[in-house]
């Protein structure tokens, strides 16, 4: 039973890592910050150049406007990363199906993860339900920069300090997008009237290694000892809204291995998730009753 709980806990964290259901905090990515600094230093020159070219632009024919310009996958990702710089809160809902085997214990797991995140100040609230081999585990969690509060199966609230690396290393929505940019040549993109659908079949070692590193870093930041996760198979697709360039949905199918208590654990997992309520959760907070009744976990 203890091993089962560890397996479920580990792979719940890895699910969150792959879906990026964490906080991006109050800081923008280093890449974005660097771009803003450079832009600030060049602002005066840019303004002069724009003034000089203003007349030429006014005289240009309407047909040259980039309004209907066709975007490729890399350009869509750039716009989506920029759009997330304006996001201060959002919610996500995930459905998960897992097959886990550590050589002794085999688990077929189904689960749902409902998450709300606010960035300034950082508060994350999640309600998760996992069912496996006739057992149901329900948990509710509030996480802040300083503390994590958890209740399992309706029991009392427990509190522990949040991992010190939380604010700098926890998975962010933009982490996935920036990782995709690193393998842009392997992406496929289709579109309809309202959406871009970017997908990748991660059979190449470069892709598998990239996502293995991302999951290990995210798990460590969340305070979980994943003991080196290796992704051996990966297929993903991301649906991005054409108007806002924010993610609407994700689908992930993967195979992975890791070590837990000296055992090699293999997992096959399918996840699908949706994202909404962007910038609608600014009042999210930990209820006073939770903080007052929580017992410090030793």
Protein backbone atom coordinates (compact mmCIF):
# COMPACT_ATOMS: atom_id res chain seq x y z
CA UNK A 1 0.00 0.00 0.00
CA UNK A 2 2.86 2.32 0.82
CA UNK A 3 4.52 1.58 -2.53
CA UNK A 4 1.21 2.15 -4.30
CA UNK A 5 0.84 5.57 -2.67
CA UNK A 6 4.40 6.49 -3.64
CA UNK A 7 3.80 5.47 -7.24
CA UNK A 8 0.60 7.48 -7.45
CA UNK A 9 2.22 10.49 -5.81
CA UNK A 10 5.24 10.42 -8.10
CA UNK A 11 3.32 10.14 -11.31
CA UNK A 12 0.80 12.78 -10.27
CA UNK A 13 3.75 15.16 -9.94
CA UNK A 14 5.09 14.08 -13.32
CA UNK A 15 1.66 14.65 -14.86
CA UNK A 16 1.69 18.20 -13.52
CA UNK A 17 5.22 18.68 -14.79
CA UNK A 18 4.32 17.66 -18.34
CA UNK A 19 1.21 19.79 -18.38
CA UNK A 20 2.96 22.80 -16.90
CA UNK A 21 0.28 23.32 -14.30
CA UNK A 22 2.39 25.43 -12.01
CA UNK A 23 3.15 29.08 -11.58
CA UNK A 24 5.26 31.30 -13.73
CA UNK A 25 5.56 33.66 -10.79
CA UNK A 26 6.00 37.37 -11.17
CA UNK A 27 9.08 36.98 -13.30
CA UNK A 28 9.14 36.67 -17.08
CA UNK A 29 11.41 34.22 -18.83
CA UNK A 30 15.07 35.16 -19.11
CA UNK A 31 14.67 35.29 -22.83
CA UNK A 32 11.81 37.77 -22.60
CA UNK A 33 13.59 39.87 -20.00
CA UNK A 34 16.66 40.02 -22.19
CA UNK A 35 14.59 41.09 -25.14
CA UNK A 36 12.92 43.83 -23.09
CA UNK A 37 16.29 45.14 -21.88
CA UNK A 38 17.68 45.20 -25.37
CA UNK A 39 14.54 46.85 -26.66
CA UNK A 40 14.77 49.54 -23.98
CA UNK A 41 18.36 50.36 -24.92
CA UNK A 42 17.40 50.67 -28.55
CA UNK A 43 14.12 52.50 -28.05
CA UNK A 44 15.42 55.91 -29.07
CA UNK A 45 17.02 54.61 -32.25
CA UNK A 46 13.91 52.62 -33.06
CA UNK A 47 11.67 55.66 -32.62
CA UNK A 48 13.86 57.67 -35.01
CA UNK A 49 13.81 54.90 -37.56
CA UNK A 50 10.05 54.54 -37.29
CA UNK A 51 9.60 58.28 -37.78
CA UNK A 52 11.76 58.20 -40.89
CA UNK A 53 9.84 55.30 -42.41
CA UNK A 54 6.36 56.54 -41.42
CA UNK A 55 5.72 58.32 -44.72
CA UNK A 56 6.85 55.32 -46.74
CA UNK A 57 4.53 53.04 -44.79
CA UNK A 58 1.59 55.39 -45.29
CA UNK A 59 2.15 55.34 -49.03
CA UNK A 60 2.46 51.54 -49.23
CA UNK A 61 -0.49 49.71 -50.84
CA UNK A 62 -2.97 47.99 -48.55
CA UNK A 63 -2.09 44.64 -50.10
CA UNK A 64 1.25 44.67 -48.29
CA UNK A 65 -0.35 44.59 -44.84
CA UNK A 66 0.60 41.57 -42.74
CA UNK A 67 -2.95 41.19 -41.50
CA UNK A 68 -3.47 37.91 -43.34
CA UNK A 69 0.11 36.72 -43.06
CA UNK A 70 0.44 32.95 -42.77
CA UNK A 71 2.21 31.90 -39.56
CA UNK A 72 4.39 28.84 -39.15
CA UNK A 73 4.65 26.76 -35.96
CA UNK A 74 7.68 28.66 -34.65
CA UNK A 75 5.92 32.01 -35.07
CA UNK A 76 2.78 30.74 -33.34
CA UNK A 77 4.87 29.54 -30.40
CA UNK A 78 6.62 32.92 -30.18
CA UNK A 79 3.27 34.71 -30.02
CA UNK A 80 1.93 32.25 -27.44
CA UNK A 81 4.98 32.69 -25.19
CA UNK A 82 4.55 36.46 -25.39
CA UNK A 83 0.83 36.16 -24.62
CA UNK A 84 1.55 34.26 -21.40
CA UNK A 85 3.58 37.21 -20.11
CA UNK A 86 0.22 38.93 -19.56
CA UNK A 87 -1.40 35.97 -17.79
CA UNK A 88 -1.69 36.34 -14.00
CA UNK A 89 -4.02 33.42 -13.29
CA UNK A 90 -5.73 30.49 -14.99
CA UNK A 91 -7.33 27.10 -14.39
CA UNK A 92 -6.81 23.67 -15.91
CA UNK A 93 -8.58 20.32 -15.93
CA UNK A 94 -6.83 17.04 -16.73
CA UNK A 95 -7.97 13.48 -17.28
CA UNK A 96 -5.26 10.87 -16.79
CA UNK A 97 -5.01 7.16 -17.60
CA UNK A 98 -1.93 5.28 -16.40
CA UNK A 99 -0.49 1.79 -16.40
CA UNK A 100 2.30 1.46 -13.83
CA UNK A 101 4.57 -1.56 -13.21
CA UNK A 102 7.48 -1.80 -10.76
CA UNK A 103 8.05 -5.54 -11.23
CA UNK A 104 5.97 -6.43 -8.18
CA UNK A 105 3.00 -4.08 -8.27
CA UNK A 106 0.91 -3.40 -11.37
CA UNK A 107 -1.54 -0.53 -11.30
CA UNK A 108 -4.20 0.64 -13.72
CA UNK A 109 -4.97 4.20 -12.73
CA UNK A 110 -7.56 6.72 -13.85
CA UNK A 111 -7.60 10.21 -12.47
CA UNK A 112 -8.77 13.79 -12.73
CA UNK A 113 -6.73 16.83 -11.71
CA UNK A 114 -8.44 20.21 -11.35
CA UNK A 115 -6.07 23.10 -10.77
CA UNK A 116 -6.40 26.85 -10.22
CA UNK A 117 -3.31 29.05 -10.18
CA UNK A 118 -2.76 32.70 -9.33
CA UNK A 119 0.67 34.24 -9.73
CA UNK A 120 0.80 37.50 -7.76
CA UNK A 121 0.86 36.47 -4.99
CA UNK A 122 1.39 32.81 -5.88
CA UNK A 123 -1.44 30.49 -4.79
CA UNK A 124 -2.28 27.15 -6.36
CA UNK A 125 -5.37 25.11 -5.48
CA UNK A 126 -5.86 21.57 -6.78
CA UNK A 127 -8.43 18.83 -6.26
CA UNK A 128 -7.36 15.42 -7.50
CA UNK A 129 -9.06 12.03 -7.67
CA UNK A 130 -7.25 8.81 -8.55
CA UNK A 131 -8.83 5.37 -8.82
CA UNK A 132 -6.76 2.19 -8.92
CA UNK A 133 -7.44 -1.49 -8.20
CA UNK A 134 -10.70 -0.71 -6.42
CA UNK A 135 -9.21 2.08 -4.31
CA UNK A 136 -10.00 5.78 -4.59
CA UNK A 137 -7.66 8.49 -3.39
CA UNK A 138 -9.03 12.03 -3.23
CA UNK A 139 -6.79 14.88 -2.28
CA UNK A 140 -7.02 18.65 -2.05
CA UNK A 141 -4.00 20.93 -1.96
CA UNK A 142 -3.28 24.62 -1.47
CA UNK A 143 0.24 25.76 -2.24
CA UNK A 144 1.82 29.14 -1.60
CA UNK A 145 5.38 30.39 -1.82
CA UNK A 146 5.86 29.53 1.87
CA UNK A 147 3.63 26.56 2.67
CA UNK A 148 1.78 23.59 1.20
CA UNK A 149 -1.51 22.40 2.75
CA UNK A 150 -2.87 18.95 1.90
CA UNK A 151 -5.92 16.91 2.87
CA UNK A 152 -6.36 13.31 1.69
CA UNK A 153 -9.68 11.46 1.58
CA UNK A 154 -11.37 14.05 3.76
CA UNK A 155 -8.87 13.80 6.62
CA UNK A 156 -7.56 16.84 8.46
CA UNK A 157 -5.25 19.33 6.83
CA UNK A 158 -1.48 18.83 6.99
CA UNK A 159 1.03 21.62 6.38
CA UNK A 160 4.66 21.58 5.31
CA UNK A 161 7.08 24.17 4.01
CA UNK A 162 7.01 24.60 0.25
CA UNK A 163 10.20 23.52 -1.57
CA UNK A 164 12.79 26.28 -1.62
CA UNK A 165 13.14 25.96 -5.40
CA UNK A 166 9.41 26.36 -5.98
CA UNK A 167 9.34 29.89 -7.33
CA UNK A 168 12.33 29.51 -9.63
CA UNK A 169 11.94 25.96 -10.86
CA UNK A 170 8.31 24.92 -10.85
CA UNK A 171 6.82 24.09 -14.27
CA UNK A 172 5.25 26.99 -16.13
CA UNK A 173 2.83 27.06 -19.06
CA UNK A 174 5.57 28.65 -21.15
CA UNK A 175 8.08 25.88 -20.35
CA UNK A 176 6.33 23.49 -22.72
CA UNK A 177 6.15 26.09 -25.46
CA UNK A 178 9.81 27.07 -25.15
CA UNK A 179 10.78 23.39 -25.17
CA UNK A 180 8.81 22.90 -28.36
CA UNK A 181 10.71 25.78 -29.96
CA UNK A 182 13.94 23.88 -29.37
CA UNK A 183 12.66 21.10 -31.63
CA UNK A 184 10.70 23.32 -34.02
CA UNK A 185 11.96 21.41 -37.05
CA UNK A 186 10.13 18.30 -35.81
CA UNK A 187 6.76 20.01 -35.28
CA UNK A 188 3.63 19.61 -37.35
CA UNK A 189 0.93 22.28 -37.43
CA UNK A 190 -2.60 22.35 -38.75
CA UNK A 191 -5.23 25.02 -38.28
CA UNK A 192 -8.92 25.72 -38.52
CA UNK A 193 -10.89 28.94 -38.37
CA UNK A 194 -10.27 29.51 -34.65
CA UNK A 195 -7.29 27.38 -33.62
CA UNK A 196 -3.75 26.28 -34.32
CA UNK A 197 -2.96 22.63 -33.51
CA UNK A 198 0.75 22.00 -33.00
CA UNK A 199 1.85 18.39 -32.58
CA UNK A 200 5.00 16.35 -32.21
CA UNK A 201 5.82 12.65 -32.39
CA UNK A 202 8.75 12.35 -30.04
CA UNK A 203 10.48 9.32 -31.48
CA UNK A 204 13.79 11.17 -31.90
CA UNK A 205 16.34 10.94 -29.10
CA UNK A 206 16.76 14.73 -29.09
CA UNK A 207 13.08 15.19 -28.28
CA UNK A 208 12.95 12.42 -25.67
CA UNK A 209 16.06 13.74 -23.91
CA UNK A 210 14.70 17.28 -23.86
CA UNK A 211 11.46 16.27 -22.17
CA UNK A 212 13.19 13.88 -19.77
CA UNK A 213 15.32 16.79 -18.54
CA UNK A 214 12.26 19.05 -18.25
CA UNK A 215 10.33 16.50 -16.17
CA UNK A 216 13.28 15.82 -13.85
CA UNK A 217 13.82 19.53 -13.21
CA UNK A 218 10.12 20.12 -12.57
CA UNK A 219 9.80 17.14 -10.22
CA UNK A 220 12.85 18.29 -8.23
CA UNK A 221 11.41 21.80 -7.93
CA UNK A 222 8.18 20.34 -6.57
CA UNK A 223 10.15 18.53 -3.86
CA UNK A 224 9.85 15.05 -5.39
CA UNK A 225 12.86 12.77 -5.76
CA UNK A 226 12.19 11.29 -9.19
CA UNK A 227 15.62 9.59 -9.25
CA UNK A 228 16.09 10.20 -12.97
CA UNK A 229 13.03 9.89 -15.14
CA UNK A 230 13.64 8.76 -18.71
CA UNK A 231 10.95 9.28 -21.31
CA UNK A 232 11.08 6.51 -23.91
CA UNK A 233 8.10 7.45 -26.08
CA UNK A 234 6.15 10.67 -26.51
CA UNK A 235 3.33 12.11 -28.61
CA UNK A 236 1.77 15.49 -27.86
CA UNK A 237 -0.53 18.06 -29.37
CA UNK A 238 -1.37 21.60 -28.26
CA UNK A 239 -4.41 23.59 -29.31
CA UNK A 240 -3.78 27.34 -29.33
CA UNK A 241 -6.47 29.99 -29.71
CA UNK A 242 -5.94 32.14 -32.80
CA UNK A 243 -7.24 35.29 -31.14
CA UNK A 244 -5.45 35.16 -27.78
CA UNK A 245 -2.57 32.76 -28.62
CA UNK A 246 -3.21 31.02 -25.28
CA UNK A 247 -3.49 27.26 -24.95
CA UNK A 248 -6.99 25.80 -25.02
CA UNK A 249 -6.13 22.10 -24.77
CA UNK A 250 -3.29 19.57 -24.62
CA UNK A 251 -3.07 15.85 -25.33
CA UNK A 252 -0.06 13.82 -24.16
CA UNK A 253 0.71 10.13 -24.66
CA UNK A 254 3.97 8.89 -23.21
CA UNK A 255 6.04 5.99 -21.96
CA UNK A 256 8.61 6.52 -19.22
CA UNK A 257 10.84 4.72 -16.75
CA UNK A 258 12.28 5.79 -13.40
CA UNK A 259 13.75 4.31 -10.22
CA UNK A 260 11.79 4.26 -6.98
CA UNK A 261 13.14 2.65 -3.81
CA UNK A 262 15.71 0.76 -5.88
CA UNK A 263 13.14 -0.61 -8.33
CA UNK A 264 12.76 0.17 -12.00
CA UNK A 265 9.27 1.52 -12.64
CA UNK A 266 7.70 1.72 -16.09
CA UNK A 267 4.62 3.72 -16.97
CA UNK A 268 2.36 4.24 -19.95
CA UNK A 269 0.26 7.35 -19.62
CA UNK A 270 -2.37 9.24 -21.61
CA UNK A 271 -3.48 12.72 -20.57
CA UNK A 272 -5.81 15.30 -22.00
CA UNK A 273 -6.40 18.71 -20.52
CA UNK A 274 -8.15 22.01 -21.04
CA UNK A 275 -7.24 25.54 -19.92
CA UNK A 276 -9.48 28.51 -19.18
CA UNK A 277 -10.32 31.35 -16.74
CA UNK A 278 -7.26 33.32 -17.79
CA UNK A 279 -6.83 36.34 -15.49
CA UNK A 280 -10.10 35.52 -13.68
CA UNK A 281 -8.69 34.08 -10.42
CA UNK A 282 -6.94 37.06 -8.87
CA UNK A 283 -8.76 36.59 -5.55
CA UNK A 284 -7.60 32.98 -5.09
CA UNK A 285 -6.27 32.41 -1.55
CA UNK A 286 -5.86 29.75 1.13
CA UNK A 287 -9.01 29.65 3.33
CA UNK A 288 -8.44 30.84 6.90
CA UNK A 289 -9.94 27.61 8.25
CA UNK A 290 -7.33 25.58 6.39
CA UNK A 291 -4.44 27.64 7.78
CA UNK A 292 -5.86 27.63 11.33
CA UNK A 293 -6.52 23.88 11.54
CA UNK A 294 -3.55 22.48 9.59
CA UNK A 295 -1.05 20.39 11.55
CA UNK A 296 2.65 20.73 10.84
CA UNK A 297 3.90 17.64 9.04
CA UNK A 298 7.07 16.19 10.55
